Amino acid sequence: MNQMILHNSCLMNVPFQTYDKDFIFNVNGKKYKTSRIVANLLSNKICYHQINDATITEFFINTSHQGNFENILKLVNFQGNNFPDSEIPFIEEVIQILDNDSISFIFNNKEKEITMNNVFDLIKHHQK
């Protein structure tokens, strides 16, 4: 038997920003509109819920750290997106809530000097 496959690289050409903004991420009380397809790409949890209930149009995220959720929404360009170090705790929290294991961090190559004051923070950061 022969097989055929559609490669996931074709996603790179999909203009996600042109789809109707019919989904809302409510993040720490602030609303961010996007499309359902973007919501499904960003969250396994939303994907699962929409399989069971296609009428879900909003997802609530409450974090202990503050940050800019636009940095998460920009990920659907499938390119490296810059963000400040101060956003890392927020982004890590959001990724965990979204249940997304497809988001990777690429840290700049600047070597930080390891000192007695920062060694444990650097180890924790590296583990995450």
N, C-alpha and C. Protein backbone atom coordinates (compact mmCIF):
# COMPACT_ATOMS: atom_id res chain seq x y z
N MET A 1 0.84 -1.17 0.00
CA MET A 1 0.00 0.00 0.00
C MET A 1 0.89 1.24 0.00
N ASN A 2 0.53 2.24 -0.77
CA ASN A 2 1.26 3.51 -0.85
C ASN A 2 0.73 4.49 0.18
N GLN A 3 1.57 5.45 0.53
CA GLN A 3 1.16 6.48 1.48
C GLN A 3 1.45 7.87 0.93
N MET A 4 0.71 8.81 1.46
CA MET A 4 0.90 10.21 1.12
C MET A 4 0.86 10.99 2.43
N ILE A 5 1.59 12.09 2.50
CA ILE A 5 1.60 12.89 3.73
C ILE A 5 1.66 14.37 3.37
N LEU A 6 0.93 15.17 4.14
CA LEU A 6 1.01 16.62 4.03
C LEU A 6 1.98 17.07 5.12
N HIS A 7 3.07 17.68 4.75
CA HIS A 7 4.10 18.07 5.71
C HIS A 7 3.66 19.29 6.51
N ASN A 8 4.02 19.28 7.78
CA ASN A 8 3.63 20.40 8.65
C ASN A 8 4.33 21.70 8.26
N SER A 9 5.29 21.66 7.37
CA SER A 9 5.95 22.88 6.90
C SER A 9 4.98 23.77 6.14
N CYS A 10 3.88 23.20 5.65
CA CYS A 10 2.89 24.01 4.94
C CYS A 10 2.23 25.02 5.87
N LEU A 11 2.30 24.81 7.19
CA LEU A 11 1.74 25.76 8.15
C LEU A 11 2.44 27.11 8.06
N MET A 12 3.67 27.10 7.61
CA MET A 12 4.44 28.34 7.52
C MET A 12 3.80 29.33 6.56
N ASN A 13 3.02 28.85 5.60
CA ASN A 13 2.41 29.72 4.59
C ASN A 13 1.00 30.16 4.94
N VAL A 14 0.45 29.66 6.03
CA VAL A 14 -0.94 29.99 6.39
C VAL A 14 -0.97 31.38 7.03
N PRO A 15 -1.80 32.28 6.51
CA PRO A 15 -1.87 33.65 7.07
C PRO A 15 -2.81 33.69 8.28
N PHE A 16 -2.34 33.20 9.42
CA PHE A 16 -3.19 33.09 10.61
C PHE A 16 -3.79 34.42 11.03
N GLN A 17 -3.10 35.52 10.80
CA GLN A 17 -3.57 36.83 11.21
C GLN A 17 -4.81 37.28 10.43
N THR A 18 -5.14 36.62 9.33
CA THR A 18 -6.30 37.02 8.53
C THR A 18 -7.59 36.32 8.94
N TYR A 19 -7.50 35.31 9.80
CA TYR A 19 -8.71 34.59 10.24
C TYR A 19 -9.51 35.47 11.19
N ASP A 20 -10.83 35.24 11.23
CA ASP A 20 -11.70 35.99 12.14
C ASP A 20 -11.20 35.84 13.58
N LYS A 21 -11.22 36.94 14.30
CA LYS A 21 -10.81 36.92 15.70
C LYS A 21 -12.03 36.53 16.54
N ASP A 22 -12.28 35.22 16.58
CA ASP A 22 -13.48 34.69 17.22
C ASP A 22 -13.18 33.96 18.53
N PHE A 23 -12.00 34.21 19.09
CA PHE A 23 -11.60 33.59 20.34
C PHE A 23 -10.93 34.64 21.22
N ILE A 24 -11.17 34.56 22.52
CA ILE A 24 -10.60 35.54 23.46
C ILE A 24 -9.78 34.82 24.53
N PHE A 25 -8.55 35.28 24.68
CA PHE A 25 -7.73 34.89 25.83
C PHE A 25 -7.94 36.00 26.86
N ASN A 26 -8.45 35.66 28.01
CA ASN A 26 -8.63 36.62 29.09
C ASN A 26 -7.47 36.38 30.06
N VAL A 27 -6.46 37.25 29.99
CA VAL A 27 -5.23 37.05 30.75
C VAL A 27 -5.13 38.13 31.83
N ASN A 28 -5.24 37.68 33.06
CA ASN A 28 -5.19 38.59 34.21
C ASN A 28 -6.15 39.76 34.04
N GLY A 29 -7.33 39.47 33.51
CA GLY A 29 -8.36 40.48 33.36
C GLY A 29 -8.30 41.28 32.06
N LYS A 30 -7.27 41.09 31.25
CA LYS A 30 -7.15 41.80 29.98
C LYS A 30 -7.49 40.84 28.84
N LYS A 31 -8.28 41.32 27.88
CA LYS A 31 -8.74 40.46 26.79
C LYS A 31 -7.86 40.62 25.55
N TYR A 32 -7.50 39.47 24.98
CA TYR A 32 -6.71 39.41 23.74
C TYR A 32 -7.50 38.59 22.73
N LYS A 33 -7.86 39.22 21.62
CA LYS A 33 -8.64 38.53 20.59
C LYS A 33 -7.72 37.88 19.57
N THR A 34 -8.10 36.68 19.19
CA THR A 34 -7.37 35.93 18.17
C THR A 34 -8.35 34.96 17.52
N SER A 35 -7.86 34.14 16.63
CA SER A 35 -8.73 33.15 15.99
C SER A 35 -8.70 31.83 16.76
N ARG A 36 -9.71 31.02 16.53
CA ARG A 36 -9.76 29.70 17.17
C ARG A 36 -8.56 28.85 16.75
N ILE A 37 -8.17 28.98 15.50
CA ILE A 37 -7.06 28.16 15.02
C ILE A 37 -5.77 28.52 15.77
N VAL A 38 -5.55 29.82 16.02
CA VAL A 38 -4.38 30.24 16.78
C VAL A 38 -4.47 29.72 18.21
N ALA A 39 -5.65 29.83 18.80
CA ALA A 39 -5.85 29.32 20.17
C ALA A 39 -5.53 27.83 20.24
N ASN A 40 -5.95 27.08 19.25
CA ASN A 40 -5.68 25.64 19.22
C ASN A 40 -4.21 25.34 19.00
N LEU A 41 -3.53 26.15 18.22
CA LEU A 41 -2.10 25.96 18.01
C LEU A 41 -1.31 26.24 19.29
N LEU A 42 -1.77 27.21 20.06
CA LEU A 42 -1.04 27.62 21.26
C LEU A 42 -1.33 26.76 22.48
N SER A 43 -2.46 26.03 22.46
CA SER A 43 -2.84 25.32 23.67
C SER A 43 -3.44 23.95 23.41
N ASN A 44 -2.76 22.93 23.93
CA ASN A 44 -3.32 21.58 23.89
C ASN A 44 -4.60 21.51 24.70
N LYS A 45 -4.65 22.27 25.78
CA LYS A 45 -5.81 22.28 26.66
C LYS A 45 -7.04 22.83 25.92
N ILE A 46 -6.88 23.93 25.20
CA ILE A 46 -7.98 24.51 24.44
C ILE A 46 -8.41 23.55 23.34
N CYS A 47 -7.45 22.96 22.68
CA CYS A 47 -7.73 21.98 21.62
C CYS A 47 -8.61 20.86 22.17
N TYR A 48 -8.24 20.32 23.30
CA TYR A 48 -9.00 19.24 23.92
C TYR A 48 -10.41 19.69 24.27
N HIS A 49 -10.53 20.89 24.86
CA HIS A 49 -11.85 21.40 25.23
C HIS A 49 -12.73 21.64 24.01
N GLN A 50 -12.13 22.12 22.92
CA GLN A 50 -12.93 22.40 21.73
C GLN A 50 -13.36 21.12 21.01
N ILE A 51 -12.63 20.07 21.20
CA ILE A 51 -13.08 18.77 20.65
C ILE A 51 -14.37 18.35 21.34
N ASN A 52 -14.44 18.61 22.64
CA ASN A 52 -15.61 18.23 23.42
C ASN A 52 -16.73 19.26 23.37
N ASP A 53 -16.39 20.53 23.15
CA ASP A 53 -17.39 21.59 23.10
C ASP A 53 -16.92 22.68 22.16
N ALA A 54 -17.39 22.64 20.93
CA ALA A 54 -16.94 23.57 19.88
C ALA A 54 -17.43 25.00 20.11
N THR A 55 -18.27 25.22 21.11
CA THR A 55 -18.78 26.56 21.36
C THR A 55 -17.88 27.39 22.26
N ILE A 56 -16.82 26.81 22.79
CA ILE A 56 -15.91 27.54 23.68
C ILE A 56 -15.20 28.63 22.87
N THR A 57 -15.35 29.87 23.35
CA THR A 57 -14.75 31.01 22.64
C THR A 57 -13.87 31.86 23.55
N GLU A 58 -13.68 31.45 24.81
CA GLU A 58 -12.86 32.24 25.72
C GLU A 58 -12.11 31.31 26.67
N PHE A 59 -10.88 31.70 26.99
CA PHE A 59 -10.04 30.93 27.90
C PHE A 59 -9.44 31.90 28.89
N PHE A 60 -9.56 31.59 30.18
CA PHE A 60 -9.07 32.46 31.24
C PHE A 60 -7.71 31.99 31.74
N ILE A 61 -6.81 32.94 31.84
CA ILE A 61 -5.47 32.68 32.36
C ILE A 61 -5.21 33.69 33.48
N ASN A 62 -4.91 33.18 34.65
CA ASN A 62 -4.53 34.03 35.77
C ASN A 62 -3.14 33.62 36.23
N THR A 63 -2.23 34.57 36.24
CA THR A 63 -0.85 34.28 36.60
C THR A 63 -0.43 35.11 37.81
N SER A 64 0.57 34.65 38.49
CA SER A 64 1.11 35.43 39.61
C SER A 64 2.13 36.45 39.11
N HIS A 65 2.68 36.22 37.93
CA HIS A 65 3.62 37.17 37.33
C HIS A 65 2.90 37.97 36.24
N GLN A 66 3.32 39.19 36.05
CA GLN A 66 2.75 40.04 35.01
C GLN A 66 3.63 39.96 33.76
N GLY A 67 2.99 40.14 32.60
CA GLY A 67 3.73 40.12 31.35
C GLY A 67 2.82 40.47 30.19
N ASN A 68 3.39 40.46 29.02
CA ASN A 68 2.68 40.83 27.81
C ASN A 68 2.28 39.58 27.04
N PHE A 69 1.00 39.25 27.02
CA PHE A 69 0.52 38.05 26.34
C PHE A 69 0.71 38.14 24.82
N GLU A 70 0.88 39.35 24.31
CA GLU A 70 1.14 39.50 22.86
C GLU A 70 2.38 38.71 22.45
N ASN A 71 3.35 38.56 23.36
CA ASN A 71 4.54 37.77 23.05
C ASN A 71 4.19 36.32 22.76
N ILE A 72 3.17 35.80 23.43
CA ILE A 72 2.71 34.43 23.17
C ILE A 72 1.98 34.38 21.83
N LEU A 73 1.10 35.35 21.59
CA LEU A 73 0.34 35.35 20.33
C LEU A 73 1.24 35.47 19.11
N LYS A 74 2.37 36.17 19.25
CA LYS A 74 3.29 36.33 18.12
C LYS A 74 3.95 35.02 17.69
N LEU A 75 3.89 34.01 18.53
CA LEU A 75 4.57 32.75 18.23
C LEU A 75 4.05 32.07 16.97
N VAL A 76 2.83 32.40 16.56
CA VAL A 76 2.28 31.74 15.37
C VAL A 76 2.94 32.19 14.08
N ASN A 77 3.93 33.09 14.17
CA ASN A 77 4.70 33.40 12.97
C ASN A 77 5.80 32.36 12.75
N PHE A 78 5.95 31.43 13.72
CA PHE A 78 6.90 30.32 13.63
C PHE A 78 8.33 30.80 13.40
N GLN A 79 8.66 31.93 13.98
CA GLN A 79 10.01 32.48 13.92
C GLN A 79 10.45 32.80 15.34
N GLY A 80 11.71 33.09 15.50
CA GLY A 80 12.20 33.52 16.80
C GLY A 80 11.65 34.90 17.12
N ASN A 81 11.06 35.05 18.28
CA ASN A 81 10.49 36.32 18.71
C ASN A 81 11.22 36.79 19.97
N ASN A 82 11.66 38.02 19.97
CA ASN A 82 12.40 38.57 21.10
C ASN A 82 11.45 38.98 22.22
N PHE A 83 11.93 38.82 23.44
CA PHE A 83 11.19 39.26 24.61
C PHE A 83 12.22 39.54 25.71
N PRO A 84 11.88 40.44 26.63
CA PRO A 84 12.84 40.76 27.69
C PRO A 84 12.93 39.67 28.74
N ASP A 85 14.07 39.61 29.43
CA ASP A 85 14.27 38.62 30.50
C ASP A 85 13.19 38.73 31.57
N SER A 86 12.70 39.94 31.79
CA SER A 86 11.69 40.15 32.83
C SER A 86 10.39 39.40 32.54
N GLU A 87 10.17 39.00 31.29
CA GLU A 87 8.94 38.30 30.89
C GLU A 87 9.03 36.78 31.12
N ILE A 88 10.21 36.26 31.39
CA ILE A 88 10.38 34.81 31.48
C ILE A 88 9.46 34.16 32.50
N PRO A 89 9.35 34.65 33.73
CA PRO A 89 8.45 33.99 34.68
C PRO A 89 7.00 33.96 34.21
N PHE A 90 6.54 35.06 33.62
CA PHE A 90 5.18 35.13 33.08
C PHE A 90 4.99 34.12 31.95
N ILE A 91 5.91 34.11 31.01
CA ILE A 91 5.81 33.22 29.85
C ILE A 91 5.83 31.76 30.30
N GLU A 92 6.71 31.42 31.23
CA GLU A 92 6.76 30.04 31.73
C GLU A 92 5.44 29.64 32.37
N GLU A 93 4.84 30.55 33.12
CA GLU A 93 3.56 30.28 33.76
C GLU A 93 2.47 30.05 32.71
N VAL A 94 2.43 30.91 31.71
CA VAL A 94 1.41 30.81 30.66
C VAL A 94 1.57 29.51 29.88
N ILE A 95 2.79 29.16 29.52
CA ILE A 95 3.03 27.93 28.78
C ILE A 95 2.52 26.72 29.55
N GLN A 96 2.74 26.73 30.85
CA GLN A 96 2.27 25.63 31.69
C GLN A 96 0.74 25.59 31.71
N ILE A 97 0.10 26.73 31.85
CA ILE A 97 -1.36 26.79 31.86
C ILE A 97 -1.93 26.34 30.52
N LEU A 98 -1.30 26.76 29.43
CA LEU A 98 -1.77 26.37 28.09
C LEU A 98 -1.51 24.90 27.79
N ASP A 99 -0.65 24.27 28.56
CA ASP A 99 -0.27 22.87 28.34
C ASP A 99 0.35 22.71 26.95
N ASN A 100 1.33 23.56 26.68
CA ASN A 100 1.99 23.52 25.38
C ASN A 100 3.43 23.08 25.56
N ASP A 101 3.78 21.95 24.94
CA ASP A 101 5.15 21.45 25.01
C ASP A 101 5.91 21.69 23.71
N SER A 102 5.34 22.53 22.84
CA SER A 102 5.97 22.82 21.55
C SER A 102 6.66 24.17 21.51
N ILE A 103 6.65 24.89 22.62
CA ILE A 103 7.30 26.20 22.68
C ILE A 103 8.69 26.03 23.29
N SER A 104 9.68 26.55 22.60
CA SER A 104 11.06 26.45 23.08
C SER A 104 11.63 27.83 23.30
N PHE A 105 12.49 27.94 24.27
CA PHE A 105 13.23 29.18 24.52
C PHE A 105 14.59 29.08 23.84
N ILE A 106 15.01 30.15 23.23
CA ILE A 106 16.36 30.26 22.68
C ILE A 106 16.97 31.48 23.35
N PHE A 107 17.88 31.23 24.27
CA PHE A 107 18.46 32.34 25.02
C PHE A 107 19.67 32.88 24.30
N ASN A 108 19.90 34.18 24.52
CA ASN A 108 21.05 34.80 23.86
C ASN A 108 22.33 34.12 24.34
N ASN A 109 23.35 34.25 23.55
CA ASN A 109 24.60 33.55 23.83
C ASN A 109 25.52 34.28 24.80
N LYS A 110 25.06 35.40 25.33
CA LYS A 110 25.91 36.12 26.28
C LYS A 110 26.09 35.26 27.52
N GLU A 111 27.31 34.97 27.80
CA GLU A 111 27.62 34.18 29.00
C GLU A 111 27.49 35.07 30.22
N LYS A 112 26.71 34.63 31.17
CA LYS A 112 26.62 35.36 32.43
C LYS A 112 27.69 34.81 33.35
N GLU A 113 28.34 35.71 34.03
CA GLU A 113 29.36 35.29 34.98
C GLU A 113 28.69 34.57 36.15
N ILE A 114 29.20 33.41 36.48
CA ILE A 114 28.65 32.63 37.58
C ILE A 114 29.32 33.10 38.87
N THR A 115 28.47 33.51 39.80
CA THR A 115 28.96 33.97 41.09
C THR A 115 28.24 33.19 42.19
N MET A 116 28.69 33.37 43.40
CA MET A 116 28.03 32.73 44.54
C MET A 116 26.60 33.26 44.69
N ASN A 117 26.36 34.48 44.26
CA ASN A 117 25.04 35.10 44.41
C ASN A 117 24.03 34.62 43.36
N ASN A 118 24.51 34.21 42.17
CA ASN A 118 23.55 33.86 41.12
C ASN A 118 23.57 32.40 40.70
N VAL A 119 24.42 31.58 41.28
CA VAL A 119 24.59 30.21 40.80
C VAL A 119 23.29 29.41 40.87
N PHE A 120 22.54 29.55 41.96
CA PHE A 120 21.31 28.76 42.09
C PHE A 120 20.22 29.27 41.15
N ASP A 121 20.16 30.58 40.96
CA ASP A 121 19.20 31.13 39.99
C ASP A 121 19.51 30.66 38.58
N LEU A 122 20.79 30.62 38.23
CA LEU A 122 21.18 30.15 36.89
C LEU A 122 20.86 28.67 36.71
N ILE A 123 21.05 27.87 37.76
CA ILE A 123 20.72 26.43 37.67
C ILE A 123 19.21 26.26 37.50
N LYS A 124 18.41 26.98 38.30
CA LYS A 124 16.95 26.91 38.16
C LYS A 124 16.51 27.33 36.76
N HIS A 125 17.09 28.40 36.27
CA HIS A 125 16.78 28.92 34.94
C HIS A 125 17.12 27.89 33.87
N HIS A 126 18.27 27.26 34.00
CA HIS A 126 18.70 26.24 33.05
C HIS A 126 17.79 25.03 33.07
N GLN A 127 17.34 24.62 34.26
CA GLN A 127 16.46 23.45 34.38
C GLN A 127 15.12 23.70 33.70
N LYS A 128 14.61 24.92 33.83
CA LYS A 128 13.31 25.26 33.19
C LYS A 128 13.45 25.26 31.70
